[in-house]
Amino acid sequence: MRKSIASKYILPFIQWFGLMILTAIFLDYLLHRLDLLYVGYWLSYPGTLLIILSFIYSLRKRKLIESGSPKKLLSIHEYFAWAGSILLIVHGGIHFNAVLPWLAIIMMIITVASGLTGKFLLKKATENIKAKRKYLEESGLSTEEAERKLFFDSVTVDLMKKWRVVHIPITILFAVLAILHIITIVMFIK
C-alpha cells in the first residue's frame, strides 16, 4: 500500500504512450532504411479504418447500437485507436510540407494521450484510493485520519476525473482536422 498513485499508474501511462511513439519512429525508420517510403502513404487507409472502428465503443456507450459487450468494445476501442495512431504517425512521417496534416497528427497524439489518461489513470487511481481507504480504516484509523493521509491522492483523482471534459472536444477537433486533410487530398489529387 506504499506505492503512490503517480508511481503505480502514471508510469504505465508513460510507457504505453512512449511505446506508441517509439514504435512509429522505428517503423518509419525501417521503411526509410528499406527504401519503402511509398508504404507510409498506404498506411493511412488501415490506420484510419482502425480509428473509425474504434468508435463502435462510443456508439454502444451512447446506445446508438445495441450489440456488443461494452467492456470488450472498450478494449477494442483502446487498442484499435492506439494501433491506428501508430500507422497514421508513420503515414505522416517526418515531412514538413503541409500544416494541416501536422495539426491532425498532433491532435491525434493529444487525443491518444487523453484516452490513455482515462484508461490507466482514472479508473485504477479510483480503485487504489478505495483500497487504501479500506486498508487504513481496517488498521484502526478513523475516517478523518484516513482522509487526511489520502488527501494528495484524493486531489489527484479529483483532477483526473475531469479528463472526459477534455477528451471529447479534443477527439472532435482531431476528427475535423483529419476530415479536412482528407478533403484537401481528394481536392488536389493529381
N, C-alpha and C. Protein backbone atom coordinates (compact mmCIF):
# COMPACT_ATOMS: atom_id res chain seq x y z
N MET A 1 0.81 -1.21 0.00
CA MET A 1 0.00 0.00 0.00
C MET A 1 0.85 1.27 0.00
N ARG A 2 2.15 1.14 -0.10
CA ARG A 2 3.02 2.30 -0.01
C ARG A 2 3.21 3.02 -1.34
N LYS A 3 2.94 2.33 -2.44
CA LYS A 3 3.14 2.98 -3.74
C LYS A 3 2.13 4.09 -3.93
N SER A 4 2.59 5.20 -4.45
CA SER A 4 1.68 6.32 -4.71
C SER A 4 0.98 6.09 -6.04
N ILE A 5 -0.09 6.82 -6.24
CA ILE A 5 -0.83 6.75 -7.50
C ILE A 5 0.08 7.11 -8.66
N ALA A 6 0.90 8.12 -8.45
CA ALA A 6 1.78 8.58 -9.53
C ALA A 6 2.71 7.46 -9.99
N SER A 7 3.37 6.78 -9.06
CA SER A 7 4.32 5.74 -9.46
C SER A 7 3.62 4.48 -9.94
N LYS A 8 2.45 4.22 -9.45
CA LYS A 8 1.74 2.99 -9.80
C LYS A 8 0.98 3.10 -11.12
N TYR A 9 0.48 4.27 -11.46
CA TYR A 9 -0.39 4.39 -12.63
C TYR A 9 0.11 5.35 -13.70
N ILE A 10 0.88 6.35 -13.32
CA ILE A 10 1.38 7.28 -14.33
C ILE A 10 2.50 6.63 -15.14
N LEU A 11 3.31 5.81 -14.50
CA LEU A 11 4.39 5.13 -15.21
C LEU A 11 3.86 4.25 -16.34
N PRO A 12 2.84 3.39 -16.11
CA PRO A 12 2.32 2.61 -17.24
C PRO A 12 1.76 3.50 -18.36
N PHE A 13 1.15 4.61 -18.00
CA PHE A 13 0.65 5.57 -18.99
C PHE A 13 1.80 6.05 -19.87
N ILE A 14 2.88 6.46 -19.24
CA ILE A 14 4.05 6.96 -19.98
C ILE A 14 4.65 5.85 -20.84
N GLN A 15 4.66 4.63 -20.32
CA GLN A 15 5.20 3.51 -21.07
C GLN A 15 4.38 3.23 -22.34
N TRP A 16 3.04 3.19 -22.23
CA TRP A 16 2.20 2.94 -23.41
C TRP A 16 2.33 4.06 -24.43
N PHE A 17 2.34 5.29 -23.95
CA PHE A 17 2.46 6.44 -24.86
C PHE A 17 3.84 6.43 -25.53
N GLY A 18 4.87 6.19 -24.74
CA GLY A 18 6.22 6.13 -25.28
C GLY A 18 6.38 4.98 -26.27
N LEU A 19 5.76 3.84 -25.95
CA LEU A 19 5.82 2.70 -26.86
C LEU A 19 5.17 3.03 -28.20
N MET A 20 4.06 3.77 -28.16
CA MET A 20 3.40 4.17 -29.40
C MET A 20 4.34 5.03 -30.24
N ILE A 21 4.95 6.03 -29.64
CA ILE A 21 5.84 6.94 -30.37
C ILE A 21 7.07 6.19 -30.87
N LEU A 22 7.69 5.39 -30.02
CA LEU A 22 8.89 4.66 -30.42
C LEU A 22 8.60 3.64 -31.52
N THR A 23 7.45 2.98 -31.44
CA THR A 23 7.06 2.02 -32.49
C THR A 23 6.89 2.74 -33.81
N ALA A 24 6.23 3.89 -33.79
CA ALA A 24 6.04 4.67 -35.02
C ALA A 24 7.39 5.12 -35.58
N ILE A 25 8.28 5.59 -34.73
CA ILE A 25 9.60 6.03 -35.19
C ILE A 25 10.37 4.85 -35.78
N PHE A 26 10.31 3.70 -35.11
CA PHE A 26 11.00 2.52 -35.61
C PHE A 26 10.45 2.09 -36.97
N LEU A 27 9.12 2.02 -37.10
CA LEU A 27 8.53 1.63 -38.38
C LEU A 27 8.87 2.61 -39.48
N ASP A 28 8.85 3.90 -39.17
CA ASP A 28 9.20 4.92 -40.15
C ASP A 28 10.67 4.76 -40.56
N TYR A 29 11.53 4.54 -39.58
CA TYR A 29 12.96 4.33 -39.86
C TYR A 29 13.14 3.10 -40.75
N LEU A 30 12.43 2.03 -40.42
CA LEU A 30 12.53 0.79 -41.19
C LEU A 30 12.09 1.01 -42.64
N LEU A 31 11.00 1.71 -42.84
CA LEU A 31 10.55 1.99 -44.20
C LEU A 31 11.58 2.82 -44.97
N HIS A 32 12.17 3.80 -44.31
CA HIS A 32 13.21 4.60 -44.96
C HIS A 32 14.44 3.74 -45.28
N ARG A 33 14.82 2.94 -44.33
CA ARG A 33 16.01 2.09 -44.48
C ARG A 33 15.84 1.08 -45.62
N LEU A 34 14.63 0.53 -45.74
CA LEU A 34 14.36 -0.46 -46.79
C LEU A 34 13.91 0.20 -48.10
N ASP A 35 13.94 1.52 -48.14
CA ASP A 35 13.52 2.29 -49.31
C ASP A 35 12.09 1.94 -49.73
N LEU A 36 11.22 1.87 -48.73
CA LEU A 36 9.80 1.57 -48.94
C LEU A 36 8.92 2.75 -48.50
N LEU A 37 9.34 3.95 -48.83
CA LEU A 37 8.63 5.15 -48.39
C LEU A 37 7.17 5.16 -48.84
N TYR A 38 6.90 4.61 -50.02
CA TYR A 38 5.53 4.60 -50.54
C TYR A 38 4.56 3.83 -49.64
N VAL A 39 5.08 2.88 -48.85
CA VAL A 39 4.23 2.11 -47.94
C VAL A 39 3.60 3.04 -46.90
N GLY A 40 4.34 4.05 -46.46
CA GLY A 40 3.82 5.01 -45.49
C GLY A 40 2.56 5.69 -45.98
N TYR A 41 2.51 6.01 -47.25
CA TYR A 41 1.31 6.62 -47.84
C TYR A 41 0.11 5.69 -47.67
N TRP A 42 0.31 4.42 -47.95
CA TRP A 42 -0.79 3.45 -47.90
C TRP A 42 -1.20 3.09 -46.48
N LEU A 43 -0.37 3.37 -45.49
CA LEU A 43 -0.74 3.07 -44.10
C LEU A 43 -1.87 3.96 -43.61
N SER A 44 -2.16 5.03 -44.34
CA SER A 44 -3.26 5.91 -43.94
C SER A 44 -4.60 5.17 -43.97
N TYR A 45 -4.75 4.24 -44.90
CA TYR A 45 -6.03 3.53 -45.02
C TYR A 45 -6.31 2.59 -43.85
N PRO A 46 -5.39 1.65 -43.53
CA PRO A 46 -5.68 0.82 -42.36
C PRO A 46 -5.68 1.61 -41.06
N GLY A 47 -4.83 2.64 -40.96
CA GLY A 47 -4.81 3.47 -39.75
C GLY A 47 -6.13 4.18 -39.52
N THR A 48 -6.65 4.77 -40.59
CA THR A 48 -7.94 5.46 -40.49
C THR A 48 -9.06 4.46 -40.19
N LEU A 49 -9.02 3.30 -40.85
CA LEU A 49 -10.05 2.28 -40.62
C LEU A 49 -10.04 1.82 -39.16
N LEU A 50 -8.86 1.59 -38.60
CA LEU A 50 -8.78 1.16 -37.20
C LEU A 50 -9.37 2.23 -36.27
N ILE A 51 -9.07 3.49 -36.53
CA ILE A 51 -9.60 4.55 -35.68
C ILE A 51 -11.11 4.66 -35.82
N ILE A 52 -11.62 4.54 -37.04
CA ILE A 52 -13.08 4.58 -37.24
C ILE A 52 -13.74 3.41 -36.53
N LEU A 53 -13.16 2.21 -36.66
CA LEU A 53 -13.72 1.04 -35.98
C LEU A 53 -13.67 1.18 -34.46
N SER A 54 -12.71 1.93 -33.96
CA SER A 54 -12.62 2.11 -32.51
C SER A 54 -13.82 2.88 -31.96
N PHE A 55 -14.50 3.62 -32.82
CA PHE A 55 -15.66 4.39 -32.37
C PHE A 55 -16.92 3.56 -32.18
N ILE A 56 -16.86 2.28 -32.48
CA ILE A 56 -18.01 1.40 -32.21
C ILE A 56 -18.32 1.44 -30.71
N TYR A 57 -17.28 1.50 -29.90
CA TYR A 57 -17.48 1.60 -28.45
C TYR A 57 -18.29 2.85 -28.09
N SER A 58 -17.96 3.97 -28.70
CA SER A 58 -18.68 5.22 -28.41
C SER A 58 -20.14 5.11 -28.83
N LEU A 59 -20.40 4.45 -29.95
CA LEU A 59 -21.77 4.26 -30.41
C LEU A 59 -22.54 3.37 -29.43
N ARG A 60 -21.88 2.32 -28.93
CA ARG A 60 -22.52 1.41 -27.97
C ARG A 60 -22.76 2.13 -26.65
N LYS A 61 -21.79 2.90 -26.22
CA LYS A 61 -21.92 3.61 -24.94
C LYS A 61 -23.09 4.59 -24.96
N ARG A 62 -23.30 5.20 -26.10
CA ARG A 62 -24.39 6.16 -26.23
C ARG A 62 -25.69 5.51 -26.71
N LYS A 63 -25.69 4.16 -26.72
CA LYS A 63 -26.86 3.34 -27.05
C LYS A 63 -27.36 3.57 -28.48
N LEU A 64 -26.45 3.96 -29.38
CA LEU A 64 -26.82 4.09 -30.79
C LEU A 64 -26.78 2.74 -31.48
N ILE A 65 -26.03 1.79 -30.90
CA ILE A 65 -26.09 0.40 -31.33
C ILE A 65 -26.32 -0.45 -30.08
N GLU A 66 -26.97 -1.59 -30.26
CA GLU A 66 -27.36 -2.41 -29.12
C GLU A 66 -26.43 -3.60 -28.86
N SER A 67 -25.73 -4.05 -29.90
CA SER A 67 -24.96 -5.28 -29.74
C SER A 67 -23.54 -5.00 -29.24
N GLY A 68 -22.96 -6.04 -28.65
CA GLY A 68 -21.58 -5.94 -28.19
C GLY A 68 -21.47 -5.66 -26.70
N SER A 69 -20.50 -6.31 -26.09
CA SER A 69 -20.22 -6.09 -24.67
C SER A 69 -19.46 -4.77 -24.51
N PRO A 70 -19.97 -3.85 -23.70
CA PRO A 70 -19.25 -2.57 -23.51
C PRO A 70 -17.80 -2.76 -23.07
N LYS A 71 -17.56 -3.74 -22.21
CA LYS A 71 -16.20 -3.96 -21.71
C LYS A 71 -15.29 -4.41 -22.86
N LYS A 72 -15.75 -5.34 -23.69
CA LYS A 72 -14.94 -5.81 -24.83
C LYS A 72 -14.77 -4.69 -25.85
N LEU A 73 -15.84 -3.92 -26.08
CA LEU A 73 -15.76 -2.83 -27.04
C LEU A 73 -14.81 -1.73 -26.56
N LEU A 74 -14.75 -1.50 -25.25
CA LEU A 74 -13.80 -0.52 -24.71
C LEU A 74 -12.37 -0.99 -24.97
N SER A 75 -12.12 -2.27 -24.76
CA SER A 75 -10.79 -2.81 -25.02
C SER A 75 -10.44 -2.68 -26.50
N ILE A 76 -11.38 -2.99 -27.37
CA ILE A 76 -11.17 -2.83 -28.81
C ILE A 76 -10.92 -1.36 -29.15
N HIS A 77 -11.70 -0.47 -28.55
CA HIS A 77 -11.54 0.97 -28.76
C HIS A 77 -10.11 1.41 -28.43
N GLU A 78 -9.63 0.97 -27.28
CA GLU A 78 -8.30 1.36 -26.83
C GLU A 78 -7.21 0.86 -27.77
N TYR A 79 -7.26 -0.42 -28.10
CA TYR A 79 -6.19 -1.00 -28.92
C TYR A 79 -6.26 -0.58 -30.39
N PHE A 80 -7.46 -0.50 -30.94
CA PHE A 80 -7.59 -0.06 -32.33
C PHE A 80 -7.14 1.38 -32.49
N ALA A 81 -7.53 2.25 -31.57
CA ALA A 81 -7.12 3.65 -31.65
C ALA A 81 -5.61 3.77 -31.50
N TRP A 82 -5.04 3.00 -30.60
CA TRP A 82 -3.60 3.01 -30.38
C TRP A 82 -2.85 2.53 -31.63
N ALA A 83 -3.26 1.39 -32.17
CA ALA A 83 -2.60 0.83 -33.36
C ALA A 83 -2.82 1.73 -34.58
N GLY A 84 -4.05 2.24 -34.74
CA GLY A 84 -4.33 3.15 -35.85
C GLY A 84 -3.49 4.41 -35.76
N SER A 85 -3.28 4.89 -34.56
CA SER A 85 -2.45 6.08 -34.37
C SER A 85 -1.01 5.82 -34.79
N ILE A 86 -0.50 4.65 -34.47
CA ILE A 86 0.87 4.31 -34.89
C ILE A 86 0.96 4.35 -36.41
N LEU A 87 0.00 3.73 -37.08
CA LEU A 87 0.02 3.71 -38.54
C LEU A 87 -0.08 5.11 -39.13
N LEU A 88 -0.90 5.96 -38.53
CA LEU A 88 -1.05 7.32 -39.04
C LEU A 88 0.18 8.19 -38.75
N ILE A 89 0.84 7.94 -37.64
CA ILE A 89 2.08 8.67 -37.37
C ILE A 89 3.13 8.29 -38.40
N VAL A 90 3.22 6.99 -38.71
CA VAL A 90 4.16 6.54 -39.75
C VAL A 90 3.75 7.14 -41.09
N HIS A 91 2.46 7.16 -41.37
CA HIS A 91 1.95 7.76 -42.62
C HIS A 91 2.40 9.22 -42.72
N GLY A 92 2.28 9.95 -41.62
CA GLY A 92 2.68 11.36 -41.61
C GLY A 92 4.18 11.53 -41.77
N GLY A 93 4.94 10.59 -41.20
CA GLY A 93 6.40 10.66 -41.32
C GLY A 93 6.95 11.98 -40.81
N ILE A 94 8.14 12.25 -41.24
CA ILE A 94 8.80 13.49 -40.85
C ILE A 94 8.83 14.40 -42.08
N HIS A 95 7.67 14.86 -42.45
CA HIS A 95 7.56 15.72 -43.64
C HIS A 95 6.95 17.05 -43.21
N PHE A 96 7.58 18.11 -43.58
CA PHE A 96 7.12 19.43 -43.16
C PHE A 96 6.58 20.22 -44.34
N ASN A 97 5.86 19.55 -45.24
CA ASN A 97 5.39 20.23 -46.43
C ASN A 97 3.97 20.78 -46.32
N ALA A 98 3.27 20.49 -45.26
CA ALA A 98 1.90 20.98 -45.12
C ALA A 98 1.53 21.10 -43.64
N VAL A 99 0.81 22.14 -43.32
CA VAL A 99 0.44 22.41 -41.92
C VAL A 99 -0.74 21.55 -41.47
N LEU A 100 -1.77 21.42 -42.30
CA LEU A 100 -2.99 20.71 -41.91
C LEU A 100 -2.73 19.26 -41.48
N PRO A 101 -1.96 18.47 -42.24
CA PRO A 101 -1.69 17.11 -41.77
C PRO A 101 -0.95 17.08 -40.43
N TRP A 102 -0.03 18.00 -40.23
CA TRP A 102 0.68 18.04 -38.96
C TRP A 102 -0.24 18.40 -37.81
N LEU A 103 -1.15 19.32 -38.05
CA LEU A 103 -2.13 19.66 -37.00
C LEU A 103 -2.97 18.44 -36.65
N ALA A 104 -3.39 17.70 -37.69
CA ALA A 104 -4.19 16.49 -37.46
C ALA A 104 -3.40 15.46 -36.66
N ILE A 105 -2.14 15.26 -37.02
CA ILE A 105 -1.30 14.29 -36.30
C ILE A 105 -1.09 14.72 -34.85
N ILE A 106 -0.83 15.99 -34.65
CA ILE A 106 -0.63 16.49 -33.28
C ILE A 106 -1.90 16.30 -32.45
N MET A 107 -3.06 16.62 -33.04
CA MET A 107 -4.32 16.43 -32.31
C MET A 107 -4.57 14.95 -32.04
N MET A 108 -4.19 14.08 -32.98
CA MET A 108 -4.36 12.65 -32.76
C MET A 108 -3.51 12.19 -31.59
N ILE A 109 -2.27 12.65 -31.53
CA ILE A 109 -1.38 12.27 -30.43
C ILE A 109 -1.93 12.78 -29.09
N ILE A 110 -2.45 13.99 -29.09
CA ILE A 110 -3.05 14.54 -27.87
C ILE A 110 -4.30 13.74 -27.49
N THR A 111 -5.08 13.33 -28.48
CA THR A 111 -6.27 12.51 -28.23
C THR A 111 -5.88 11.18 -27.60
N VAL A 112 -4.85 10.55 -28.13
CA VAL A 112 -4.39 9.27 -27.56
C VAL A 112 -3.91 9.48 -26.12
N ALA A 113 -3.16 10.54 -25.89
CA ALA A 113 -2.69 10.83 -24.52
C ALA A 113 -3.88 11.02 -23.58
N SER A 114 -4.89 11.72 -24.05
CA SER A 114 -6.09 11.93 -23.25
C SER A 114 -6.81 10.61 -22.98
N GLY A 115 -6.91 9.77 -24.00
CA GLY A 115 -7.56 8.46 -23.82
C GLY A 115 -6.79 7.57 -22.86
N LEU A 116 -5.47 7.59 -22.96
CA LEU A 116 -4.67 6.79 -22.04
C LEU A 116 -4.81 7.29 -20.60
N THR A 117 -5.07 8.58 -20.45
CA THR A 117 -5.32 9.12 -19.11
C THR A 117 -6.51 8.41 -18.49
N GLY A 118 -7.58 8.29 -19.26
CA GLY A 118 -8.75 7.59 -18.75
C GLY A 118 -8.49 6.12 -18.49
N LYS A 119 -7.78 5.49 -19.41
CA LYS A 119 -7.52 4.05 -19.29
C LYS A 119 -6.68 3.72 -18.06
N PHE A 120 -5.54 4.37 -17.94
CA PHE A 120 -4.59 3.97 -16.90
C PHE A 120 -4.74 4.73 -15.61
N LEU A 121 -5.10 5.97 -15.71
CA LEU A 121 -5.02 6.78 -14.51
C LEU A 121 -6.30 6.83 -13.72
N LEU A 122 -7.37 7.24 -14.35
CA LEU A 122 -8.59 7.49 -13.60
C LEU A 122 -9.17 6.23 -12.96
N LYS A 123 -9.40 5.20 -13.77
CA LYS A 123 -10.04 4.00 -13.24
C LYS A 123 -9.21 3.36 -12.13
N LYS A 124 -7.95 3.17 -12.41
CA LYS A 124 -7.10 2.48 -11.45
C LYS A 124 -6.79 3.34 -10.23
N ALA A 125 -6.70 4.64 -10.43
CA ALA A 125 -6.45 5.52 -9.30
C ALA A 125 -7.63 5.53 -8.34
N THR A 126 -8.84 5.52 -8.89
CA THR A 126 -10.04 5.47 -8.06
C THR A 126 -10.08 4.17 -7.26
N GLU A 127 -9.77 3.06 -7.93
CA GLU A 127 -9.73 1.77 -7.24
C GLU A 127 -8.66 1.77 -6.14
N ASN A 128 -7.52 2.37 -6.42
CA ASN A 128 -6.42 2.42 -5.47
C ASN A 128 -6.80 3.22 -4.22
N ILE A 129 -7.47 4.34 -4.42
CA ILE A 129 -7.88 5.16 -3.27
C ILE A 129 -8.86 4.39 -2.38
N LYS A 130 -9.81 3.70 -3.01
CA LYS A 130 -10.79 2.92 -2.22
C LYS A 130 -10.07 1.83 -1.42
N ALA A 131 -9.12 1.14 -2.06
CA ALA A 131 -8.39 0.08 -1.37
C ALA A 131 -7.54 0.66 -0.22
N LYS A 132 -6.89 1.79 -0.47
CA LYS A 132 -6.08 2.42 0.59
C LYS A 132 -6.96 2.86 1.76
N ARG A 133 -8.10 3.46 1.43
CA ARG A 133 -9.02 3.92 2.48
C ARG A 133 -9.47 2.74 3.34
N LYS A 134 -9.86 1.65 2.68
CA LYS A 134 -10.32 0.46 3.40
C LYS A 134 -9.19 -0.09 4.28
N TYR A 135 -7.99 -0.15 3.75
CA TYR A 135 -6.84 -0.66 4.49
C TYR A 135 -6.56 0.20 5.72
N LEU A 136 -6.56 1.52 5.53
CA LEU A 136 -6.28 2.43 6.65
C LEU A 136 -7.34 2.32 7.73
N GLU A 137 -8.60 2.22 7.31
CA GLU A 137 -9.68 2.12 8.31
C GLU A 137 -9.63 0.77 9.02
N GLU A 138 -9.27 -0.28 8.30
CA GLU A 138 -9.13 -1.60 8.94
C GLU A 138 -7.93 -1.64 9.88
N SER A 139 -6.96 -0.76 9.65
CA SER A 139 -5.78 -0.68 10.52
C SER A 139 -6.05 0.09 11.80
N GLY A 140 -7.26 0.62 11.92
CA GLY A 140 -7.64 1.30 13.15
C GLY A 140 -7.72 2.81 13.06
N LEU A 141 -7.41 3.38 11.91
CA LEU A 141 -7.52 4.83 11.76
C LEU A 141 -8.98 5.24 11.62
N SER A 142 -9.30 6.40 12.13
CA SER A 142 -10.66 6.91 11.94
C SER A 142 -10.81 7.35 10.49
N THR A 143 -12.05 7.57 10.08
CA THR A 143 -12.31 8.01 8.71
C THR A 143 -11.61 9.32 8.42
N GLU A 144 -11.63 10.26 9.39
CA GLU A 144 -10.97 11.55 9.20
C GLU A 144 -9.46 11.40 9.05
N GLU A 145 -8.85 10.53 9.87
CA GLU A 145 -7.40 10.31 9.76
C GLU A 145 -7.04 9.67 8.43
N ALA A 146 -7.84 8.73 8.00
CA ALA A 146 -7.60 8.08 6.71
C ALA A 146 -7.71 9.10 5.57
N GLU A 147 -8.72 9.97 5.65
CA GLU A 147 -8.89 11.00 4.62
C GLU A 147 -7.70 11.96 4.61
N ARG A 148 -7.18 12.31 5.77
CA ARG A 148 -6.01 13.19 5.83
C ARG A 148 -4.80 12.53 5.16
N LYS A 149 -4.60 11.25 5.43
CA LYS A 149 -3.47 10.54 4.82
C LYS A 149 -3.64 10.41 3.30
N LEU A 150 -4.87 10.38 2.85
CA LEU A 150 -5.14 10.21 1.42
C LEU A 150 -5.41 11.54 0.71
N PHE A 151 -5.16 12.65 1.38
CA PHE A 151 -5.53 13.96 0.82
C PHE A 151 -4.94 14.20 -0.57
N PHE A 152 -3.63 14.04 -0.73
CA PHE A 152 -3.00 14.35 -2.02
C PHE A 152 -3.43 13.37 -3.11
N ASP A 153 -3.59 12.10 -2.73
CA ASP A 153 -4.10 11.13 -3.70
C ASP A 153 -5.53 11.49 -4.11
N SER A 154 -6.34 11.94 -3.18
CA SER A 154 -7.73 12.33 -3.48
C SER A 154 -7.78 13.54 -4.40
N VAL A 155 -6.92 14.51 -4.16
CA VAL A 155 -6.85 15.69 -5.03
C VAL A 155 -6.45 15.28 -6.44
N THR A 156 -5.47 14.39 -6.54
CA THR A 156 -5.03 13.89 -7.85
C THR A 156 -6.18 13.22 -8.59
N VAL A 157 -6.92 12.36 -7.91
CA VAL A 157 -8.04 11.65 -8.54
C VAL A 157 -9.14 12.63 -8.94
N ASP A 158 -9.44 13.62 -8.11
CA ASP A 158 -10.47 14.61 -8.46
C ASP A 158 -10.10 15.38 -9.72
N LEU A 159 -8.83 15.73 -9.87
CA LEU A 159 -8.38 16.42 -11.08
C LEU A 159 -8.48 15.51 -12.29
N MET A 160 -8.14 14.25 -12.11
CA MET A 160 -8.18 13.30 -13.22
C MET A 160 -9.60 13.00 -13.69
N LYS A 161 -10.59 13.16 -12.82
CA LYS A 161 -11.97 12.88 -13.20
C LYS A 161 -12.49 13.84 -14.27
N LYS A 162 -11.80 14.91 -14.47
CA LYS A 162 -12.21 15.89 -15.47
C LYS A 162 -11.68 15.56 -16.87
N TRP A 163 -11.04 14.39 -17.05
CA TRP A 163 -10.41 14.06 -18.32
C TRP A 163 -11.39 13.97 -19.48
N ARG A 164 -12.61 13.48 -19.26
CA ARG A 164 -13.58 13.36 -20.36
C ARG A 164 -13.98 14.72 -20.91
N VAL A 165 -14.00 15.72 -20.05
CA VAL A 165 -14.34 17.07 -20.47
C VAL A 165 -13.33 17.56 -21.51
N VAL A 166 -12.11 17.05 -21.43
CA VAL A 166 -11.06 17.41 -22.36
C VAL A 166 -11.01 16.42 -23.54
N HIS A 167 -11.19 15.14 -23.25
CA HIS A 167 -11.03 14.10 -24.27
C HIS A 167 -12.02 14.23 -25.43
N ILE A 168 -13.26 14.48 -25.14
CA ILE A 168 -14.28 14.54 -26.21
C ILE A 168 -14.05 15.73 -27.15
N PRO A 169 -13.86 16.95 -26.68
CA PRO A 169 -13.59 18.04 -27.63
C PRO A 169 -12.29 17.86 -28.42
N ILE A 170 -11.27 17.29 -27.78
CA ILE A 170 -10.02 17.02 -28.49
C ILE A 170 -10.26 16.00 -29.61
N THR A 171 -11.04 14.98 -29.31
CA THR A 171 -11.37 13.96 -30.31
C THR A 171 -12.13 14.59 -31.47
N ILE A 172 -13.07 15.46 -31.17
CA ILE A 172 -13.84 16.12 -32.23
C ILE A 172 -12.93 17.01 -33.08
N LEU A 173 -12.04 17.75 -32.44
CA LEU A 173 -11.10 18.60 -33.19
C LEU A 173 -10.19 17.75 -34.06
N PHE A 174 -9.71 16.63 -33.53
CA PHE A 174 -8.90 15.72 -34.34
C PHE A 174 -9.69 15.23 -35.55
N ALA A 175 -10.94 14.82 -35.34
CA ALA A 175 -11.77 14.32 -36.44
C ALA A 175 -11.97 15.39 -37.51
N VAL A 176 -12.23 16.62 -37.08
CA VAL A 176 -12.43 17.72 -38.04
C VAL A 176 -11.15 17.95 -38.85
N LEU A 177 -9.99 17.99 -38.19
CA LEU A 177 -8.73 18.19 -38.89
C LEU A 177 -8.42 17.03 -39.84
N ALA A 178 -8.70 15.81 -39.40
CA ALA A 178 -8.46 14.65 -40.26
C ALA A 178 -9.36 14.69 -41.49
N ILE A 179 -10.63 15.03 -41.29
CA ILE A 179 -11.57 15.12 -42.43
C ILE A 179 -11.13 16.23 -43.38
N LEU A 180 -10.74 17.36 -42.85
CA LEU A 180 -10.25 18.46 -43.71
C LEU A 180 -9.00 18.01 -44.49
N HIS A 181 -8.13 17.28 -43.84
CA HIS A 181 -6.94 16.76 -44.53
C HIS A 181 -7.34 15.84 -45.68
N ILE A 182 -8.27 14.94 -45.41
CA ILE A 182 -8.72 14.01 -46.44
C ILE A 182 -9.40 14.75 -47.59
N ILE A 183 -10.22 15.75 -47.26
CA ILE A 183 -10.89 16.55 -48.30
C ILE A 183 -9.87 17.27 -49.17
N THR A 184 -8.87 17.87 -48.54
CA THR A 184 -7.86 18.60 -49.34
C THR A 184 -7.05 17.64 -50.21
N ILE A 185 -6.79 16.44 -49.73
CA ILE A 185 -6.06 15.46 -50.54
C ILE A 185 -6.91 15.09 -51.77
N VAL A 186 -8.20 14.84 -51.55
CA VAL A 186 -9.09 14.49 -52.65
C VAL A 186 -9.22 15.66 -53.64
N MET A 187 -9.30 16.86 -53.11
CA MET A 187 -9.44 18.04 -53.99
C MET A 187 -8.21 18.28 -54.86
N PHE A 188 -7.04 18.04 -54.32
CA PHE A 188 -5.81 18.39 -55.03
C PHE A 188 -5.08 17.17 -55.58
N ILE A 189 -5.73 16.03 -55.63
CA ILE A 189 -5.10 14.83 -56.17
C ILE A 189 -4.82 15.03 -57.66
N LYS A 190 -3.69 14.56 -58.10
CA LYS A 190 -3.31 14.79 -59.50
C LYS A 190 -3.56 13.58 -60.33
